[in-house]
Amino acid sequence: MRKVTQPTRRLMLLDTASLYFRAYFGVPDSVRAPDGTPVNAVRGLLEFIDRLVKDHRPDELVACMDADWRPQWRVDLIPSYKAHRVAEERESGPDEEEVPDTLSPQVPIIEDVLDALGIARVGVEGYEADDVIGTFTARAKGPVDIVTGDRDLYQLVDDERGIRVLYPLKGVGLLQLTDEAWLREKYGVDGGGYADLALLRGDPSDGLPGVPGIGEKTAAKLLAEFGDLAGILAAVDDPKARLTPSQRRRLDESRPYLAVAPKVVRVAGDVPLPDVATALPGAPPDPAALDELAARWGLGGSLHRLLSTLQA
């Protein structure tokens, strides 16, 4: 009997906060609802999704959310993790992130509109959107496009599995298609090596100190020489290994940081995801609710264009 092969389905994962932040700063805040509420991030995100679906034609789409933008388990390992972004510390629940005043009220609107459109929206308590993306990617049976303005997700790039990062350079009309060839040319590592590169060089935007004196180029050279973080640390203990005295000293002094940094920097691949329908919706599940949201928030052409694209 002839075996029937199923067509390969392409999954697109949106780092939603990364995209609505870009939309917020890219669309004038003069774009407002009938009651005067700014909706520039809402309408900008809808325009982004419309363009992404038109240009890349995913079969499945998930808007991945930050249920916890600064998980306590990461802070316990590296207390400086995203500490500079905390607007308010809370005794219970996640700390409040510093977000522009007119963006915060738009996030619940974004969530309501995505739900009314029938676009899967997933956030899991105790995890960042990156971890949700990492787990969907680990489970995927076909190719995956990850849309994000966060280079941390370069660690998931895998040519063999068809996993790439679409990094917005200007809106989402101009995207950097990040595959392993691009990573090797730019950073000297493949997807699997990017996390080690990132933790060695550090990242001030995430509050990761890195190893003093080990910048991006030095980190890439060390990884090329010794393979991975474990190989580099083994070289520190090997007097014959080709390390300068200052490199050996700094790496040795950074052992406490290097012992915990991999768990902080590497995205989780075992998040308990809810059971959601990820297929790209052809029609909204509740047109009346969507019409009400469109009228209340003045979503106009942005929403109509996306609906037409989904129906096509």
Protein backbone atom coordinates (compact mmCIF):
# COMPACT_ATOMS: atom_id res chain seq x y z
CA MET A 1 0.00 0.00 0.00
CA ARG A 2 1.31 3.42 -0.92
CA LYS A 3 2.05 5.57 2.12
CA VAL A 4 0.22 8.90 2.17
CA THR A 5 2.42 11.70 3.49
CA GLN A 6 0.83 14.60 5.29
CA PRO A 7 1.70 18.08 4.03
CA THR A 8 4.19 19.94 6.20
CA ARG A 9 2.56 22.71 8.21
CA ARG A 10 4.45 25.92 8.99
CA LEU A 11 4.07 27.34 12.49
CA MET A 12 4.58 31.05 13.16
CA LEU A 13 5.27 32.13 16.75
CA LEU A 14 4.93 35.80 17.67
CA ASP A 15 6.92 37.35 20.50
CA THR A 16 3.88 39.52 21.04
CA ALA A 17 5.24 42.06 23.54
CA SER A 18 8.30 42.64 21.37
CA LEU A 19 6.00 43.40 18.43
CA TYR A 20 3.51 45.63 20.23
CA PHE A 21 6.36 47.64 21.76
CA ARG A 22 7.65 48.22 18.22
CA ALA A 23 4.17 49.09 17.03
CA TYR A 24 3.73 51.53 19.91
CA PHE A 25 6.91 53.43 19.05
CA GLY A 26 6.38 53.12 15.30
CA VAL A 27 2.79 54.37 15.06
CA PRO A 28 1.94 57.93 16.25
CA ASP A 29 -0.03 58.12 19.50
CA SER A 30 -2.41 60.43 17.68
CA VAL A 31 -4.03 57.17 16.49
CA ARG A 32 -6.87 57.00 18.99
CA ALA A 33 -10.22 55.36 19.69
CA PRO A 34 -13.45 57.40 19.50
CA ASP A 35 -13.19 58.10 23.25
CA GLY A 36 -9.63 59.44 22.86
CA THR A 37 -7.80 56.35 24.16
CA PRO A 38 -4.51 55.76 22.28
CA VAL A 39 -4.70 52.57 20.21
CA ASN A 40 -1.48 52.97 18.21
CA ALA A 41 0.00 49.72 19.60
CA VAL A 42 -3.24 47.82 18.92
CA ARG A 43 -3.61 48.97 15.34
CA GLY A 44 0.12 48.69 14.68
CA LEU A 45 0.16 45.08 15.89
CA LEU A 46 -2.82 44.21 13.67
CA GLU A 47 -0.96 45.72 10.70
CA PHE A 48 2.11 43.68 11.63
CA ILE A 49 0.16 40.41 11.80
CA ASP A 50 -1.56 41.20 8.50
CA ARG A 51 1.78 41.72 6.75
CA LEU A 52 3.35 38.63 8.32
CA VAL A 53 0.47 36.37 7.25
CA LYS A 54 0.44 37.83 3.73
CA ASP A 55 4.19 37.52 3.24
CA HIS A 56 4.88 34.18 4.95
CA ARG A 57 1.60 32.24 4.82
CA PRO A 58 1.83 30.23 8.04
CA ASP A 59 -0.59 27.38 8.58
CA GLU A 60 -0.55 27.89 12.34
CA LEU A 61 -0.08 31.06 14.36
CA VAL A 62 0.41 31.62 18.09
CA ALA A 63 0.70 34.96 19.87
CA CYS A 64 3.06 34.12 22.74
CA MET A 65 2.69 36.31 25.83
CA ASP A 66 4.71 37.24 28.92
CA ALA A 67 2.62 35.88 31.79
CA ASP A 68 5.69 36.71 33.90
CA TRP A 69 8.25 39.00 32.29
CA ARG A 70 10.80 38.44 35.13
CA PRO A 71 10.31 34.95 36.58
CA GLN A 72 11.39 34.57 40.17
CA TRP A 73 13.34 31.40 39.41
CA ARG A 74 15.59 33.41 37.08
CA VAL A 75 15.95 36.24 39.63
CA ASP A 76 16.89 33.70 42.33
CA LEU A 77 19.81 32.61 40.15
CA ILE A 78 20.90 36.08 38.97
CA PRO A 79 19.35 38.86 41.12
CA SER A 80 20.30 41.56 38.59
CA TYR A 81 18.16 39.90 35.91
CA LYS A 82 16.03 42.70 34.38
CA ALA A 83 16.23 44.54 37.73
CA HIS A 84 16.65 47.94 36.05
CA ARG A 85 13.26 47.53 34.35
CA VAL A 86 11.26 47.06 37.56
CA ALA A 87 8.75 49.88 38.08
CA GLU A 88 7.27 48.42 41.28
CA GLU A 89 8.20 45.42 43.42
CA ARG A 90 5.30 43.27 44.61
CA GLU A 91 5.21 40.88 47.55
CA SER A 92 3.03 38.43 45.63
CA GLY A 93 2.92 37.95 41.88
CA PRO A 94 5.30 39.32 39.26
CA ASP A 95 6.96 42.71 39.74
CA GLU A 96 5.50 45.46 37.59
CA GLU A 97 7.55 46.25 34.50
CA GLU A 98 8.33 49.82 33.50
CA VAL A 99 6.05 50.41 30.50
CA PRO A 100 4.99 53.70 28.86
CA ASP A 101 1.82 55.07 30.49
CA THR A 102 -0.22 54.98 27.29
CA LEU A 103 0.91 51.45 26.33
CA SER A 104 -0.19 49.54 29.44
CA PRO A 105 -3.94 50.19 28.90
CA GLN A 106 -3.63 48.89 25.33
CA VAL A 107 -2.42 45.42 26.32
CA PRO A 108 -5.85 44.15 27.51
CA ILE A 109 -7.37 45.52 24.29
CA ILE A 110 -4.78 43.59 22.26
CA GLU A 111 -5.62 40.42 24.17
CA ASP A 112 -9.38 40.87 23.64
CA VAL A 113 -8.94 41.50 19.91
CA LEU A 114 -6.66 38.50 19.40
CA ASP A 115 -9.17 36.28 21.23
CA ALA A 116 -12.06 37.64 19.17
CA LEU A 117 -10.12 37.02 15.97
CA GLY A 118 -9.54 33.41 17.01
CA ILE A 119 -5.74 33.77 17.04
CA ALA A 120 -4.24 31.46 19.66
CA ARG A 121 -2.82 33.47 22.56
CA VAL A 122 -0.64 31.65 25.10
CA GLY A 123 1.05 32.82 28.27
CA VAL A 124 1.98 30.52 31.15
CA GLU A 125 2.34 31.62 34.76
CA GLY A 126 5.97 31.71 35.86
CA TYR A 127 7.37 31.91 32.34
CA GLU A 128 8.29 34.49 29.74
CA ALA A 129 7.06 34.50 26.17
CA ASP A 130 10.53 33.28 25.15
CA ASP A 131 9.93 30.09 27.14
CA VAL A 132 6.53 29.57 25.54
CA ILE A 133 8.16 30.02 22.13
CA GLY A 134 10.94 27.60 23.09
CA THR A 135 8.46 24.92 24.11
CA PHE A 136 6.26 25.28 21.02
CA THR A 137 9.45 25.09 18.92
CA ALA A 138 10.65 21.97 20.74
CA ARG A 139 7.31 20.25 20.08
CA ALA A 140 6.92 21.36 16.46
CA LYS A 141 6.93 18.65 13.80
CA GLY A 142 7.38 21.06 10.89
CA PRO A 143 9.18 24.33 10.13
CA VAL A 144 8.88 27.26 12.52
CA ASP A 145 9.13 31.00 11.96
CA ILE A 146 9.79 32.95 15.17
CA VAL A 147 9.00 36.66 14.85
CA THR A 148 10.84 38.69 17.47
CA GLY A 149 12.95 41.74 18.05
CA ASP A 150 14.81 39.84 20.80
CA ARG A 151 18.13 38.34 19.71
CA ASP A 152 18.03 35.90 22.64
CA LEU A 153 15.82 33.67 20.50
CA TYR A 154 18.62 33.19 17.96
CA GLN A 155 19.53 30.22 20.17
CA LEU A 156 16.55 28.32 18.70
CA VAL A 157 17.69 28.62 15.06
CA ASP A 158 18.13 25.16 13.55
CA ASP A 159 18.50 24.72 9.79
CA GLU A 160 17.96 20.97 9.93
CA ARG A 161 14.53 21.42 11.54
CA GLY A 162 13.61 24.50 9.49
CA ILE A 163 13.58 26.84 12.49
CA ARG A 164 14.46 30.44 11.75
CA VAL A 165 14.03 33.84 13.37
CA LEU A 166 12.39 36.68 11.49
CA TYR A 167 13.90 39.79 13.08
CA PRO A 168 12.16 43.07 12.22
CA LEU A 169 14.50 45.73 10.86
CA LYS A 170 11.81 48.20 9.81
CA GLY A 171 8.25 47.43 10.81
CA VAL A 172 7.73 43.87 9.64
CA GLY A 173 7.99 44.70 5.97
CA LEU A 174 11.76 44.39 6.18
CA LEU A 175 12.82 41.31 8.12
CA GLN A 176 16.20 39.77 8.71
CA LEU A 177 15.77 36.05 8.01
CA THR A 178 18.11 34.55 10.56
CA ASP A 179 19.38 31.07 9.77
CA GLU A 180 22.58 29.27 10.82
CA ALA A 181 24.59 30.61 7.87
CA TRP A 182 23.72 34.17 8.92
CA LEU A 183 24.59 33.45 12.55
CA ARG A 184 27.96 31.94 11.65
CA GLU A 185 28.82 34.91 9.46
CA LYS A 186 27.69 37.47 12.06
CA TYR A 187 28.68 35.83 15.35
CA GLY A 188 30.79 32.79 14.47
CA VAL A 189 28.32 30.39 16.13
CA ASP A 190 25.28 28.39 15.13
CA GLY A 191 21.93 28.48 16.91
CA GLY A 192 23.02 26.04 19.61
CA GLY A 193 26.09 28.13 20.43
CA TYR A 194 24.34 31.48 20.63
CA ALA A 195 23.22 31.08 24.26
CA ASP A 196 26.82 30.40 25.37
CA LEU A 197 27.98 33.45 23.41
CA ALA A 198 25.28 35.60 25.03
CA LEU A 199 26.02 34.55 28.60
CA LEU A 200 29.78 35.01 28.17
CA ARG A 201 29.55 38.53 26.73
CA GLY A 202 26.64 39.54 28.99
CA ASP A 203 23.65 41.70 28.14
CA PRO A 204 23.08 45.01 29.97
CA SER A 205 19.50 45.20 28.63
CA ASP A 206 18.68 42.01 30.58
CA GLY A 207 20.91 42.74 33.56
CA LEU A 208 23.31 39.90 32.71
CA PRO A 209 26.85 40.80 33.80
CA GLY A 210 28.74 38.39 31.56
CA VAL A 211 32.44 37.66 32.14
CA PRO A 212 34.47 40.85 32.63
CA GLY A 213 36.82 41.44 29.71
CA ILE A 214 35.10 38.84 27.50
CA GLY A 215 33.29 40.68 24.74
CA GLU A 216 31.43 39.28 21.77
CA LYS A 217 34.48 38.70 19.56
CA THR A 218 36.50 37.06 22.33
CA ALA A 219 33.54 34.88 23.30
CA ALA A 220 33.17 33.74 19.68
CA LYS A 221 36.89 32.90 19.48
CA LEU A 222 36.75 30.91 22.71
CA LEU A 223 33.73 28.96 21.48
CA ALA A 224 35.44 28.27 18.15
CA GLU A 225 38.50 27.01 20.02
CA PHE A 226 36.85 24.98 22.78
CA GLY A 227 33.39 24.14 21.42
CA ASP A 228 31.04 25.22 24.19
CA LEU A 229 30.92 26.61 27.72
CA ALA A 230 31.84 23.26 29.26
CA GLY A 231 34.86 23.05 26.93
CA ILE A 232 35.95 26.57 27.88
CA LEU A 233 35.73 25.79 31.61
CA ALA A 234 37.69 22.57 31.07
CA ALA A 235 40.35 24.67 29.32
CA VAL A 236 40.58 26.94 32.38
CA ASP A 237 41.68 23.87 34.37
CA ASP A 238 44.13 22.76 31.67
CA PRO A 239 47.44 24.62 31.91
CA LYS A 240 48.23 23.63 28.31
CA ALA A 241 45.06 25.18 26.90
CA ARG A 242 45.54 28.29 24.81
CA LEU A 243 44.12 30.95 27.10
CA THR A 244 45.77 34.21 28.04
CA PRO A 245 46.50 34.64 31.77
CA SER A 246 43.81 37.33 32.05
CA GLN A 247 41.22 35.17 30.28
CA ARG A 248 42.00 32.23 32.53
CA ARG A 249 41.75 34.39 35.64
CA ARG A 250 38.53 36.13 34.64
CA LEU A 251 36.82 32.92 33.63
CA ASP A 252 37.92 31.23 36.85
CA GLU A 253 36.65 34.14 38.96
CA SER A 254 33.33 34.03 37.07
CA ARG A 255 32.58 30.38 37.85
CA PRO A 256 29.69 31.18 40.25
CA TYR A 257 28.00 33.24 37.51
CA LEU A 258 28.77 30.68 34.79
CA ALA A 259 27.28 27.90 36.93
CA VAL A 260 23.82 29.52 36.92
CA ALA A 261 23.81 31.66 33.77
CA PRO A 262 22.94 28.84 31.33
CA LYS A 263 19.61 28.18 33.05
CA VAL A 264 18.79 31.89 33.02
CA VAL A 265 19.83 32.57 29.41
CA ARG A 266 18.56 29.41 27.72
CA VAL A 267 14.85 29.42 27.02
CA ALA A 268 12.80 26.68 28.64
CA GLY A 269 11.61 23.87 26.42
CA ASP A 270 9.31 22.16 28.91
CA VAL A 271 6.67 24.76 29.75
CA PRO A 272 3.27 23.18 30.56
CA LEU A 273 1.40 24.59 27.56
CA PRO A 274 -2.38 24.64 27.48
CA ASP A 275 -4.20 22.73 24.78
CA VAL A 276 -5.02 25.40 22.19
CA ALA A 277 -6.11 25.40 18.55
CA THR A 278 -3.16 26.90 16.68
CA ALA A 279 -4.53 26.74 13.13
CA LEU A 280 -4.68 30.11 11.40
CA PRO A 281 -8.33 31.19 11.75
CA GLY A 282 -10.27 31.66 8.53
CA ALA A 283 -13.08 33.50 10.28
CA PRO A 284 -13.57 34.99 13.77
CA PRO A 285 -15.32 32.65 16.24
CA ASP A 286 -17.51 35.49 17.53
CA PRO A 287 -18.06 38.12 14.80
CA ALA A 288 -20.41 40.15 17.01
CA ALA A 289 -17.79 40.50 19.76
CA LEU A 290 -15.21 41.51 17.18
CA ASP A 291 -17.57 44.10 15.67
CA GLU A 292 -18.16 45.55 19.13
CA LEU A 293 -14.41 45.81 19.79
CA ALA A 294 -13.80 47.34 16.36
CA ALA A 295 -16.44 50.03 16.96
CA ARG A 296 -15.41 50.77 20.55
CA TRP A 297 -11.71 51.11 19.77
CA GLY A 298 -11.92 52.48 16.24
CA LEU A 299 -9.84 49.70 14.71
CA GLY A 300 -11.11 50.43 11.21
CA GLY A 301 -8.96 49.49 8.25
CA SER A 302 -6.28 47.75 10.32
CA LEU A 303 -8.74 45.10 11.47
CA HIS A 304 -10.59 44.84 8.13
CA ARG A 305 -7.36 44.24 6.22
CA LEU A 306 -6.31 41.48 8.63
CA LEU A 307 -9.73 39.84 8.42
CA SER A 308 -9.55 39.86 4.62
CA THR A 309 -6.08 38.32 4.73
CA LEU A 310 -7.19 35.58 7.12
CA GLN A 311 -10.23 34.78 5.01
CA ALA A 312 -8.07 34.54 1.90
